[in-house]
Amino acid sequence: LENPHAYIDSNIVGFMNVLEGCRHNAAGHLVYA
């Protein structure tokens, strides 16, 4: 409620980077919180 942009940066942009890393480098399984 105080710092919404921190959640977009880490939880959305950061997760996108993880997904792309897994996609392009053949990670066998992604488990996420």
All heavy atoms as atom14 arrays in JSON, in Angstrom:
{
  "sequence": "LENPHAYIDSNIVGFMNVLEGCRHNAAGHLVYA",
  "atom14_mask": [
    [1, 1, 1, 1, 1, 1, 1, 1, 0, 0, 0, 0, 0, 0],
    [1, 1, 1, 1, 1, 1, 1, 1, 1, 0, 0, 0, 0, 0],
    [1, 1, 1, 1, 1, 1, 1, 1, 0, 0, 0, 0, 0, 0],
    [1, 1, 1, 1, 1, 1, 1, 0, 0, 0, 0, 0, 0, 0],
    [1, 1, 1, 1, 1, 1, 1, 1, 1, 1, 0, 0, 0, 0],
    [1, 1, 1, 1, 1, 0, 0, 0, 0, 0, 0, 0, 0, 0],
    [1, 1, 1, 1, 1, 1, 1, 1, 1, 1, 1, 1, 0, 0],
    [1, 1, 1, 1, 1, 1, 1, 1, 0, 0, 0, 0, 0, 0],
    [1, 1, 1, 1, 1, 1, 1, 1, 0, 0, 0, 0, 0, 0],
    [1, 1, 1, 1, 1, 1, 0, 0, 0, 0, 0, 0, 0, 0],
    [1, 1, 1, 1, 1, 1, 1, 1, 0, 0, 0, 0, 0, 0],
    [1, 1, 1, 1, 1, 1, 1, 1, 0, 0, 0, 0, 0, 0],
    [1, 1, 1, 1, 1, 1, 1, 0, 0, 0, 0, 0, 0, 0],
    [1, 1, 1, 1, 0, 0, 0, 0, 0, 0, 0, 0, 0, 0],
    [1, 1, 1, 1, 1, 1, 1, 1, 1, 1, 1, 0, 0, 0],
    [1, 1, 1, 1, 1, 1, 1, 1, 0, 0, 0, 0, 0, 0],
    [1, 1, 1, 1, 1, 1, 1, 1, 0, 0, 0, 0, 0, 0],
    [1, 1, 1, 1, 1, 1, 1, 0, 0, 0, 0, 0, 0, 0],
    [1, 1, 1, 1, 1, 1, 1, 1, 0, 0, 0, 0, 0, 0],
    [1, 1, 1, 1, 1, 1, 1, 1, 1, 0, 0, 0, 0, 0],
    [1, 1, 1, 1, 0, 0, 0, 0, 0, 0, 0, 0, 0, 0],
    [1, 1, 1, 1, 1, 1, 0, 0, 0, 0, 0, 0, 0, 0],
    [1, 1, 1, 1, 1, 1, 1, 1, 1, 1, 1, 0, 0, 0],
    [1, 1, 1, 1, 1, 1, 1, 1, 1, 1, 0, 0, 0, 0],
    [1, 1, 1, 1, 1, 1, 1, 1, 0, 0, 0, 0, 0, 0],
    [1, 1, 1, 1, 1, 0, 0, 0, 0, 0, 0, 0, 0, 0],
    [1, 1, 1, 1, 1, 0, 0, 0, 0, 0, 0, 0, 0, 0],
    [1, 1, 1, 1, 0, 0, 0, 0, 0, 0, 0, 0, 0, 0],
    [1, 1, 1, 1, 1, 1, 1, 1, 1, 1, 0, 0, 0, 0],
    [1, 1, 1, 1, 1, 1, 1, 1, 0, 0, 0, 0, 0, 0],
    [1, 1, 1, 1, 1, 1, 1, 0, 0, 0, 0, 0, 0, 0],
    [1, 1, 1, 1, 1, 1, 1, 1, 1, 1, 1, 1, 0, 0],
    [1, 1, 1, 1, 1, 0, 0, 0, 0, 0, 0, 0, 0, 0]
  ],
  "atom14_positions": [
    [[0.82, -1.2, 0.0], [0.0, 0.0, 0.0], [0.86, 1.26, 0.0], [0.41, 2.32, -0.43], [-0.93, 0.02, 1.22], [-2.24, -0.77, 1.12], [-1.97, -2.27, 1.04], [-3.14, -0.47, 2.32], [0.0, 0.0, 0.0], [0.0, 0.0, 0.0], [0.0, 0.0, 0.0], [0.0, 0.0, 0.0], [0.0, 0.0, 0.0], [0.0, 0.0, 0.0]],
    [[2.11, 1.12, 0.49], [3.0, 2.27, 0.61], [3.92, 2.43, -0.6], [4.23, 3.55, -0.99], [3.87, 2.12, 1.87], [3.09, 1.98, 3.16], [4.02, 1.62, 4.32], [5.23, 1.91, 4.22], [3.53, 1.03, 5.31], [0.0, 0.0, 0.0], [0.0, 0.0, 0.0], [0.0, 0.0, 0.0], [0.0, 0.0, 0.0], [0.0, 0.0, 0.0]],
    [[4.37, 1.34, -1.15], [5.37, 1.39, -2.22], [5.0, 0.42, -3.34], [5.69, -0.59, -3.54], [6.75, 1.08, -1.65], [7.86, 1.35, -2.64], [7.63, 1.79, -3.77], [9.09, 1.08, -2.24], [0.0, 0.0, 0.0], [0.0, 0.0, 0.0], [0.0, 0.0, 0.0], [0.0, 0.0, 0.0], [0.0, 0.0, 0.0], [0.0, 0.0, 0.0]],
    [[3.92, 0.68, -4.06], [3.45, -0.29, -5.07], [4.44, -0.56, -6.19], [4.51, -1.67, -6.71], [2.17, 0.36, -5.61], [2.3, 1.82, -5.29], [3.06, 1.88, -4.01], [0.0, 0.0, 0.0], [0.0, 0.0, 0.0], [0.0, 0.0, 0.0], [0.0, 0.0, 0.0], [0.0, 0.0, 0.0], [0.0, 0.0, 0.0], [0.0, 0.0, 0.0]],
    [[5.25, 0.44, -6.56], [6.17, 0.25, -7.69], [7.2, -0.83, -7.4], [7.65, -1.52, -8.31], [6.86, 1.57, -8.03], [5.95, 2.58, -8.65], [5.5, 2.49, -9.95], [5.36, 3.69, -8.12], [4.7, 3.51, -10.2], [4.59, 4.25, -9.11], [0.0, 0.0, 0.0], [0.0, 0.0, 0.0], [0.0, 0.0, 0.0], [0.0, 0.0, 0.0]],
    [[7.58, -0.99, -6.12], [8.55, -2.03, -5.76], [8.02, -3.41, -6.11], [8.79, -4.32, -6.47], [8.87, -1.96, -4.27], [0.0, 0.0, 0.0], [0.0, 0.0, 0.0], [0.0, 0.0, 0.0], [0.0, 0.0, 0.0], [0.0, 0.0, 0.0], [0.0, 0.0, 0.0], [0.0, 0.0, 0.0], [0.0, 0.0, 0.0], [0.0, 0.0, 0.0]],
    [[6.71, -3.59, -6.05], [6.1, -4.89, -6.33], [6.05, -5.18, -7.83], [6.21, -6.33, -8.25], [4.7, -4.95, -5.71], [4.78, -5.0, -4.21], [5.06, -3.85, -3.47], [4.63, -6.19, -3.52], [5.18, -3.89, -2.09], [4.75, -6.24, -2.14], [5.03, -5.09, -1.43], [5.17, -5.13, -0.07], [0.0, 0.0, 0.0], [0.0, 0.0, 0.0]],
    [[5.86, -4.14, -8.61], [5.87, -4.32, -10.07], [7.3, -4.63, -10.53], [7.52, -5.56, -11.32], [5.32, -3.08, -10.79], [3.88, -2.79, -10.33], [5.38, -3.27, -12.3], [2.91, -3.96, -10.52], [0.0, 0.0, 0.0], [0.0, 0.0, 0.0], [0.0, 0.0, 0.0], [0.0, 0.0, 0.0], [0.0, 0.0, 0.0], [0.0, 0.0, 0.0]],
    [[8.26, -3.89, -10.02], [9.66, -4.1, -10.43], [10.12, -5.51, -10.1], [10.7, -6.21, -10.94], [10.57, -3.08, -9.74], [10.32, -1.66, -10.2], [9.69, -1.48, -11.27], [10.73, -0.73, -9.49], [0.0, 0.0, 0.0], [0.0, 0.0, 0.0], [0.0, 0.0, 0.0], [0.0, 0.0, 0.0], [0.0, 0.0, 0.0], [0.0, 0.0, 0.0]],
    [[9.92, -5.95, -8.87], [10.44, -7.24, -8.44], [9.54, -8.39, -8.85], [9.99, -9.37, -9.44], [10.63, -7.25, -6.92], [11.17, -8.47, -6.5], [0.0, 0.0, 0.0], [0.0, 0.0, 0.0], [0.0, 0.0, 0.0], [0.0, 0.0, 0.0], [0.0, 0.0, 0.0], [0.0, 0.0, 0.0], [0.0, 0.0, 0.0], [0.0, 0.0, 0.0]],
    [[8.25, -8.28, -8.55], [7.36, -9.43, -8.7], [6.86, -9.64, -10.13], [6.49, -10.76, -10.48], [6.16, -9.29, -7.76], [6.58, -9.21, -6.3], [7.76, -9.12, -5.99], [5.62, -9.23, -5.41], [0.0, 0.0, 0.0], [0.0, 0.0, 0.0], [0.0, 0.0, 0.0], [0.0, 0.0, 0.0], [0.0, 0.0, 0.0], [0.0, 0.0, 0.0]],
    [[6.82, -8.58, -10.93], [6.37, -8.73, -12.31], [7.56, -8.72, -13.27], [7.8, -9.69, -14.0], [5.36, -7.63, -12.7], [4.14, -7.66, -11.75], [4.93, -7.81, -14.15], [3.33, -8.93, -11.8], [0.0, 0.0, 0.0], [0.0, 0.0, 0.0], [0.0, 0.0, 0.0], [0.0, 0.0, 0.0], [0.0, 0.0, 0.0], [0.0, 0.0, 0.0]],
    [[8.34, -7.64, -13.26], [9.5, -7.56, -14.15], [10.5, -8.66, -13.81], [11.02, -9.35, -14.7], [10.16, -6.16, -14.06], [11.43, -6.12, -14.9], [9.18, -5.09, -14.52], [0.0, 0.0, 0.0], [0.0, 0.0, 0.0], [0.0, 0.0, 0.0], [0.0, 0.0, 0.0], [0.0, 0.0, 0.0], [0.0, 0.0, 0.0], [0.0, 0.0, 0.0]],
    [[10.77, -8.83, -12.53], [11.72, -9.86, -12.11], [11.27, -11.25, -12.51], [12.08, -12.07, -12.99], [0.0, 0.0, 0.0], [0.0, 0.0, 0.0], [0.0, 0.0, 0.0], [0.0, 0.0, 0.0], [0.0, 0.0, 0.0], [0.0, 0.0, 0.0], [0.0, 0.0, 0.0], [0.0, 0.0, 0.0], [0.0, 0.0, 0.0], [0.0, 0.0, 0.0]],
    [[10.0, -11.54, -12.35], [9.48, -12.86, -12.73], [9.56, -13.07, -14.24], [9.86, -14.17, -14.71], [8.06, -13.05, -12.23], [7.55, -14.46, -12.36], [8.2, -15.5, -11.72], [6.42, -14.74, -13.09], [7.74, -16.81, -11.84], [5.94, -16.04, -13.21], [6.61, -17.08, -12.58], [0.0, 0.0, 0.0], [0.0, 0.0, 0.0], [0.0, 0.0, 0.0]],
    [[9.31, -12.02, -14.98], [9.43, -12.11, -16.44], [10.86, -12.49, -16.83], [11.08, -13.32, -17.73], [9.06, -10.76, -17.07], [9.08, -10.76, -18.59], [7.79, -11.84, -19.24], [8.25, -11.88, -20.97], [0.0, 0.0, 0.0], [0.0, 0.0, 0.0], [0.0, 0.0, 0.0], [0.0, 0.0, 0.0], [0.0, 0.0, 0.0], [0.0, 0.0, 0.0]],
    [[11.84, -11.89, -16.18], [13.24, -12.21, -16.47], [13.57, -13.67, -16.16], [14.35, -14.32, -16.87], [14.17, -11.27, -15.7], [14.11, -9.84, -16.21], [13.74, -9.6, -17.36], [14.47, -8.9, -15.36], [0.0, 0.0, 0.0], [0.0, 0.0, 0.0], [0.0, 0.0, 0.0], [0.0, 0.0, 0.0], [0.0, 0.0, 0.0], [0.0, 0.0, 0.0]],
    [[12.99, -14.19, -15.08], [13.2, -15.59, -14.73], [12.56, -16.5, -15.78], [13.16, -17.49, -16.22], [12.64, -15.89, -13.32], [12.63, -17.4, -13.04], [13.46, -15.17, -12.26], [0.0, 0.0, 0.0], [0.0, 0.0, 0.0], [0.0, 0.0, 0.0], [0.0, 0.0, 0.0], [0.0, 0.0, 0.0], [0.0, 0.0, 0.0], [0.0, 0.0, 0.0]],
    [[11.34, -16.19, -16.17], [10.67, -17.0, -17.2], [11.46, -17.02, -18.5], [11.65, -18.08, -19.12], [9.27, -16.45, -17.47], [8.2, -16.72, -16.41], [6.95, -15.89, -16.71], [7.86, -18.2, -16.33], [0.0, 0.0, 0.0], [0.0, 0.0, 0.0], [0.0, 0.0, 0.0], [0.0, 0.0, 0.0], [0.0, 0.0, 0.0], [0.0, 0.0, 0.0]],
    [[11.94, -15.86, -18.91], [12.72, -15.79, -20.15], [14.03, -16.55, -20.03], [14.46, -17.23, -20.97], [12.99, -14.33, -20.51], [11.82, -13.65, -21.2], [11.66, -14.14, -22.63], [12.36, -13.62, -23.52], [10.84, -15.06, -22.86], [0.0, 0.0, 0.0], [0.0, 0.0, 0.0], [0.0, 0.0, 0.0], [0.0, 0.0, 0.0], [0.0, 0.0, 0.0]],
    [[14.66, -16.47, -18.86], [15.9, -17.21, -18.65], [15.67, -18.71, -18.74], [16.45, -19.45, -19.37], [0.0, 0.0, 0.0], [0.0, 0.0, 0.0], [0.0, 0.0, 0.0], [0.0, 0.0, 0.0], [0.0, 0.0, 0.0], [0.0, 0.0, 0.0], [0.0, 0.0, 0.0], [0.0, 0.0, 0.0], [0.0, 0.0, 0.0], [0.0, 0.0, 0.0]],
    [[14.58, -19.19, -18.15], [14.24, -20.61, -18.21], [13.92, -21.03, -19.64], [14.36, -22.08, -20.12], [13.05, -20.9, -17.3], [13.38, -20.78, -15.54], [0.0, 0.0, 0.0], [0.0, 0.0, 0.0], [0.0, 0.0, 0.0], [0.0, 0.0, 0.0], [0.0, 0.0, 0.0], [0.0, 0.0, 0.0], [0.0, 0.0, 0.0], [0.0, 0.0, 0.0]],
    [[13.17, -20.2, -20.33], [12.75, -20.52, -21.7], [13.95, -20.66, -22.64], [14.04, -21.62, -23.41], [11.81, -19.43, -22.2], [11.5, -19.5, -23.69], [10.94, -18.17, -24.18], [10.86, -18.17, -25.65], [10.64, -17.08, -26.38], [10.48, -15.91, -25.78], [10.57, -17.16, -27.69], [0.0, 0.0, 0.0], [0.0, 0.0, 0.0], [0.0, 0.0, 0.0]],
    [[14.85, -19.72, -22.59], [15.93, -19.68, -23.58], [17.11, -20.58, -23.22], [18.01, -20.76, -24.04], [16.43, -18.23, -23.75], [15.45, -17.35, -24.46], [15.13, -17.52, -25.79], [14.71, -16.3, -24.02], [14.25, -16.61, -26.15], [13.97, -15.86, -25.09], [0.0, 0.0, 0.0], [0.0, 0.0, 0.0], [0.0, 0.0, 0.0], [0.0, 0.0, 0.0]],
    [[17.1, -21.13, -21.99], [18.24, -21.93, -21.56], [17.84, -23.32, -21.06], [18.58, -23.95, -20.31], [19.04, -21.17, -20.5], [19.63, -19.88, -21.05], [20.66, -19.9, -21.7], [18.95, -18.76, -20.8], [0.0, 0.0, 0.0], [0.0, 0.0, 0.0], [0.0, 0.0, 0.0], [0.0, 0.0, 0.0], [0.0, 0.0, 0.0], [0.0, 0.0, 0.0]],
    [[16.67, -23.75, -21.49], [16.22, -25.14, -21.3], [16.23, -25.6, -19.85], [16.63, -26.74, -19.55], [17.06, -26.08, -22.16], [0.0, 0.0, 0.0], [0.0, 0.0, 0.0], [0.0, 0.0, 0.0], [0.0, 0.0, 0.0], [0.0, 0.0, 0.0], [0.0, 0.0, 0.0], [0.0, 0.0, 0.0], [0.0, 0.0, 0.0], [0.0, 0.0, 0.0]],
    [[15.81, -24.73, -18.93], [15.64, -25.18, -17.54], [14.56, -26.25, -17.49], [13.5, -26.09, -18.1], [15.28, -24.0, -16.65], [0.0, 0.0, 0.0], [0.0, 0.0, 0.0], [0.0, 0.0, 0.0], [0.0, 0.0, 0.0], [0.0, 0.0, 0.0], [0.0, 0.0, 0.0], [0.0, 0.0, 0.0], [0.0, 0.0, 0.0], [0.0, 0.0, 0.0]],
    [[14.82, -27.32, -16.76], [13.9, -28.44, -16.78], [12.65, -28.27, -15.96], [11.64, -28.95, -16.2], [0.0, 0.0, 0.0], [0.0, 0.0, 0.0], [0.0, 0.0, 0.0], [0.0, 0.0, 0.0], [0.0, 0.0, 0.0], [0.0, 0.0, 0.0], [0.0, 0.0, 0.0], [0.0, 0.0, 0.0], [0.0, 0.0, 0.0], [0.0, 0.0, 0.0]],
    [[12.66, -27.37, -14.97], [11.5, -27.17, -14.11], [11.67, -25.87, -13.35], [12.71, -25.64, -12.74], [11.36, -28.33, -13.13], [10.07, -28.38, -12.36], [9.9, -29.14, -11.21], [8.88, -27.77, -12.58], [8.66, -29.0, -10.77], [8.02, -28.17, -11.58], [0.0, 0.0, 0.0], [0.0, 0.0, 0.0], [0.0, 0.0, 0.0], [0.0, 0.0, 0.0]],
    [[10.65, -25.03, -13.39], [10.62, -23.79, -12.61], [9.59, -23.93, -11.5], [8.4, -24.15, -11.77], [10.25, -22.6, -13.51], [9.87, -21.29, -12.78], [11.03, -20.77, -11.95], [9.4, -20.24, -13.79], [0.0, 0.0, 0.0], [0.0, 0.0, 0.0], [0.0, 0.0, 0.0], [0.0, 0.0, 0.0], [0.0, 0.0, 0.0], [0.0, 0.0, 0.0]],
    [[10.05, -23.83, -10.27], [9.17, -23.78, -9.11], [9.23, -22.37, -8.55], [10.32, -21.84, -8.34], [9.6, -24.8, -8.04], [8.78, -24.64, -6.76], [9.46, -26.22, -8.58], [0.0, 0.0, 0.0], [0.0, 0.0, 0.0], [0.0, 0.0, 0.0], [0.0, 0.0, 0.0], [0.0, 0.0, 0.0], [0.0, 0.0, 0.0], [0.0, 0.0, 0.0]],
    [[8.09, -21.74, -8.33], [8.09, -20.34, -7.92], [7.11, -20.11, -6.77], [6.15, -20.86, -6.58], [7.73, -19.43, -9.1], [6.35, -19.68, -9.66], [5.25, -18.93, -9.24], [6.13, -20.67, -10.62], [3.99, -19.17, -9.75], [4.87, -20.92, -11.13], [3.8, -20.17, -10.69], [2.54, -20.42, -11.18], [0.0, 0.0, 0.0], [0.0, 0.0, 0.0]],
    [[7.38, -19.07, -6.01], [6.56, -18.72, -4.86], [5.34, -17.93, -5.29], [5.46, -16.85, -5.86], [7.37, -17.9, -3.86], [0.0, 0.0, 0.0], [0.0, 0.0, 0.0], [0.0, 0.0, 0.0], [0.0, 0.0, 0.0], [0.0, 0.0, 0.0], [0.0, 0.0, 0.0], [0.0, 0.0, 0.0], [0.0, 0.0, 0.0], [0.0, 0.0, 0.0]]
  ]
}
